[in-house]
Amino acid sequence: EEISRAIAAHQVVIVCGDFSFYQFPSPEYWHRLFASAPVGLLFALKVPEEVTVEVFPKHPRYGARAGIENQSFLNAATLSALILEPLAPYRDRIATLIFEFGARGTPPREFAGRLNPFLGALPPSFRYAVEVRNRAYLEKPYFDCLHAHNVAHVFNAWTRMPSLKEQMTIPGALPADFTVVRALLR
C-alpha cells in the first residue's frame, strides 16, 4: 500500500531483484512478476551470474561446473537471448540491469579492456550498471569504459569496498546520466 501511494504521488520507487542473479528466469516468471506489481514500480534487476562469472566458484551448488571456465562470460549474445529478449515487453518497468562482478584477481586494465567490447555490443534499449567488488578496479580505465557506454557504476557498501562516501569522491565515479546505489548491509 505504501508503494502504491508513493507511485501515485509520482515518487520514484525502485526494487532491486537479486533473485535473477542465480538463474535465467523464464518468460512466464517475468510475466507473473510484472503482472503482480503496481504499474509504476520500477525494477533494478541483476543480470544472471552466467554472464558475469569468469570461472564458476568451487562450491557445491555449481556441481560439475565448479572451478570450470565459464564460456558465457561477457557473452552479449547469451545475455540477449536469455534476458534482454524475454524482458523486452517490460522495458518501461526496468530502471536498470546490473552486472555484478565479484572479487576478482584480473588486473584492472585487463578487466576494463574485456568489459569495453561487451558493453559496446549491448542494445541501447536498456540502461545498464556495473557493480564491482574489487576496490582496485575503481580507477580511470574502469570509469572511462563505463562513461564511453553511458553505464553507471553501482556505488555499493559491500564489505571490502570503500565506503559509499569514498567511492563518490573518486574522479570519474559518475560516468552515466543516472546513478545507482546499493546500500548493502555489512
Protein backbone atom coordinates (compact mmCIF):
# COMPACT_ATOMS: atom_id res chain seq x y z
CA GLU A 1 0.00 0.00 0.00
CA GLU A 2 2.85 2.40 0.83
CA ILE A 3 4.44 1.68 -2.56
CA SER A 4 1.13 2.38 -4.33
CA ARG A 5 0.85 5.75 -2.51
CA ALA A 6 4.42 6.69 -3.47
CA ILE A 7 3.75 5.81 -7.09
CA ALA A 8 0.53 7.84 -7.08
CA ALA A 9 2.49 10.81 -5.66
CA HIS A 10 4.95 10.47 -8.59
CA GLN A 11 7.84 9.49 -6.39
CA VAL A 12 10.32 7.06 -7.87
CA VAL A 13 10.23 3.65 -6.23
CA ILE A 14 12.69 1.01 -7.37
CA VAL A 15 13.05 -2.54 -6.12
CA CYS A 16 16.30 -4.42 -6.72
CA GLY A 17 15.87 -8.03 -7.75
CA ASP A 18 18.84 -10.16 -6.72
CA PHE A 19 16.83 -13.31 -7.48
CA SER A 20 17.69 -13.01 -11.18
CA PHE A 21 21.42 -13.31 -10.41
CA TYR A 22 21.24 -17.06 -9.84
CA GLN A 23 19.13 -18.08 -12.84
CA PHE A 24 17.72 -17.04 -16.19
CA PRO A 25 14.06 -16.66 -15.20
CA SER A 26 11.51 -17.96 -17.70
CA PRO A 27 9.21 -15.67 -19.72
CA GLU A 28 6.33 -16.97 -17.58
CA TYR A 29 8.18 -15.92 -14.43
CA TRP A 30 8.68 -12.38 -15.78
CA HIS A 31 5.01 -12.16 -16.74
CA ARG A 32 3.89 -13.18 -13.22
CA LEU A 33 6.35 -10.76 -11.59
CA PHE A 34 5.37 -7.70 -13.59
CA ALA A 35 1.64 -8.55 -13.52
CA SER A 36 1.72 -8.74 -9.72
CA ALA A 37 3.47 -5.39 -9.14
CA PRO A 38 1.95 -1.91 -9.30
CA VAL A 39 2.39 -0.44 -12.79
CA GLY A 40 4.59 2.48 -11.67
CA LEU A 41 7.00 0.31 -9.71
CA LEU A 42 10.42 0.13 -11.37
CA PHE A 43 12.88 -2.72 -11.03
CA ALA A 44 16.66 -2.85 -10.97
CA LEU A 45 17.49 -6.42 -11.90
CA LYS A 46 20.76 -8.25 -11.56
CA VAL A 47 21.92 -10.00 -14.69
CA PRO A 48 22.49 -13.72 -14.06
CA GLU A 49 25.98 -14.70 -12.99
CA GLU A 50 26.02 -16.95 -16.04
CA VAL A 51 27.27 -13.84 -17.87
CA THR A 52 29.37 -12.21 -15.12
CA VAL A 53 31.34 -15.09 -13.59
CA GLU A 54 34.57 -15.91 -15.41
CA VAL A 55 35.22 -19.16 -13.53
CA PHE A 56 32.48 -20.91 -11.60
CA PRO A 57 33.30 -20.93 -7.87
CA LYS A 58 34.29 -24.17 -6.24
CA HIS A 59 31.03 -24.51 -4.40
CA PRO A 60 28.64 -27.49 -4.24
CA ARG A 61 25.77 -25.59 -5.86
CA TYR A 62 27.76 -25.40 -9.13
CA GLY A 63 28.07 -29.18 -9.34
CA ALA A 64 30.27 -30.34 -12.23
CA ARG A 65 30.84 -26.71 -13.33
CA ALA A 66 32.65 -25.79 -10.08
CA GLY A 67 36.13 -24.48 -10.92
CA ILE A 68 35.45 -24.53 -14.68
CA GLU A 69 35.88 -21.55 -17.01
CA ASN A 70 32.52 -20.05 -17.98
CA GLN A 71 32.08 -19.99 -21.76
CA SER A 72 29.24 -17.44 -21.43
CA PHE A 73 31.36 -14.88 -19.54
CA LEU A 74 30.74 -11.43 -21.06
CA ASN A 75 28.80 -13.03 -23.91
CA ALA A 76 26.38 -10.43 -25.28
CA ALA A 77 24.54 -13.00 -27.45
CA THR A 78 23.79 -15.19 -24.42
CA LEU A 79 22.63 -12.16 -22.45
CA SER A 80 20.39 -11.01 -25.28
CA ALA A 81 18.75 -14.38 -25.89
CA LEU A 82 18.19 -15.32 -22.27
CA ILE A 83 17.50 -11.98 -20.56
CA LEU A 84 17.08 -8.99 -22.86
CA GLU A 85 14.61 -10.56 -25.29
CA PRO A 86 12.35 -12.02 -22.57
CA LEU A 87 12.43 -8.65 -20.73
CA ALA A 88 11.70 -6.54 -23.83
CA PRO A 89 7.92 -6.37 -23.17
CA TYR A 90 8.65 -4.92 -19.70
CA ARG A 91 11.36 -2.44 -20.74
CA ASP A 92 9.47 0.54 -19.34
CA ARG A 93 9.30 -1.20 -15.93
CA ILE A 94 13.08 -1.70 -15.67
CA ALA A 95 15.20 1.15 -14.30
CA THR A 96 18.50 -0.66 -14.89
CA LEU A 97 20.10 -4.05 -15.39
CA ILE A 98 23.03 -4.62 -13.02
CA PHE A 99 26.12 -6.64 -13.87
CA GLU A 100 27.75 -7.80 -10.63
CA PHE A 101 31.38 -8.83 -10.81
CA GLY A 102 32.60 -10.42 -7.59
CA ALA A 103 36.04 -10.01 -6.05
CA ARG A 104 38.34 -10.99 -8.89
CA GLY A 105 42.06 -11.26 -9.48
CA THR A 106 42.05 -9.92 -13.05
CA PRO A 107 44.24 -6.78 -13.29
CA PRO A 108 42.16 -3.56 -13.51
CA ARG A 109 43.23 -2.59 -17.07
CA GLU A 110 42.57 -6.11 -18.34
CA PHE A 111 39.11 -6.12 -16.73
CA ALA A 112 38.21 -2.77 -18.31
CA GLY A 113 39.62 -3.98 -21.65
CA ARG A 114 37.36 -7.05 -21.60
CA LEU A 115 34.33 -5.16 -20.32
CA ASN A 116 34.51 -2.46 -23.03
CA PRO A 117 33.60 -4.58 -26.10
CA PHE A 118 30.89 -6.38 -24.13
CA LEU A 119 29.20 -3.12 -23.14
CA GLY A 120 29.60 -1.85 -26.70
CA ALA A 121 27.69 -4.88 -28.02
CA LEU A 122 24.65 -4.31 -25.81
CA PRO A 123 21.48 -2.79 -27.28
CA PRO A 124 20.66 0.73 -26.06
CA SER A 125 17.08 -0.27 -25.22
CA PHE A 126 18.01 -0.82 -21.56
CA ARG A 127 20.05 1.12 -19.01
CA TYR A 128 22.99 -0.79 -17.57
CA ALA A 129 25.06 -0.54 -14.40
CA VAL A 130 28.19 -2.37 -13.24
CA GLU A 131 28.79 -3.40 -9.65
CA VAL A 132 32.37 -4.39 -8.92
CA ARG A 133 33.54 -5.83 -5.65
CA ASN A 134 37.21 -5.16 -6.14
CA ARG A 135 38.43 -1.76 -4.96
CA ALA A 136 41.42 -1.97 -7.34
CA TYR A 137 39.01 -1.53 -10.28
CA LEU A 138 37.93 1.93 -9.11
CA GLU A 139 40.40 3.63 -11.44
CA LYS A 140 40.35 5.66 -14.63
CA PRO A 141 40.25 2.72 -17.13
CA TYR A 142 37.12 1.29 -15.49
CA PHE A 143 35.31 4.62 -15.24
CA ASP A 144 36.36 5.60 -18.78
CA CYS A 145 34.92 2.32 -20.07
CA LEU A 146 31.61 2.94 -18.30
CA HIS A 147 31.49 6.56 -19.48
CA ALA A 148 32.01 5.51 -23.12
CA HIS A 149 28.79 3.47 -22.93
CA ASN A 150 26.71 5.61 -20.51
CA VAL A 151 26.81 2.76 -17.99
CA ALA A 152 26.56 3.60 -14.28
CA HIS A 153 28.97 2.46 -11.61
CA VAL A 154 26.99 0.87 -8.77
CA PHE A 155 28.04 2.53 -5.55
CA ASN A 156 27.87 -0.37 -3.12
CA ALA A 157 28.51 -0.84 0.56
CA TRP A 158 29.96 -4.32 0.19
CA THR A 159 32.33 -5.42 2.96
CA ARG A 160 35.66 -5.00 1.14
CA MET A 161 34.77 -1.89 -0.88
CA PRO A 162 35.49 1.71 0.12
CA SER A 163 32.61 3.46 1.86
CA LEU A 164 29.89 4.97 -0.32
CA LYS A 165 31.20 8.42 0.55
CA GLU A 166 34.73 7.46 -0.53
CA GLN A 167 33.50 5.93 -3.80
CA MET A 168 31.56 9.08 -4.65
CA THR A 169 34.68 11.22 -4.38
CA ILE A 170 36.70 9.17 -6.89
CA PRO A 171 37.25 11.17 -10.11
CA GLY A 172 35.02 9.81 -12.87
CA ALA A 173 32.81 7.80 -10.49
CA LEU A 174 29.65 9.24 -12.06
CA PRO A 175 30.11 8.00 -15.64
CA ALA A 176 26.44 7.93 -16.72
CA ASP A 177 23.42 10.20 -16.82
CA PHE A 178 21.89 8.22 -13.94
CA THR A 179 23.18 6.86 -10.62
CA VAL A 180 22.77 3.51 -8.89
CA VAL A 181 23.43 2.93 -5.19
CA ARG A 182 23.11 -0.39 -3.35
CA ALA A 183 23.41 0.20 0.37
CA LEU A 184 24.15 -3.40 1.30
CA LEU A 185 24.38 -4.33 4.95
CA ARG A 186 27.86 -5.05 6.23
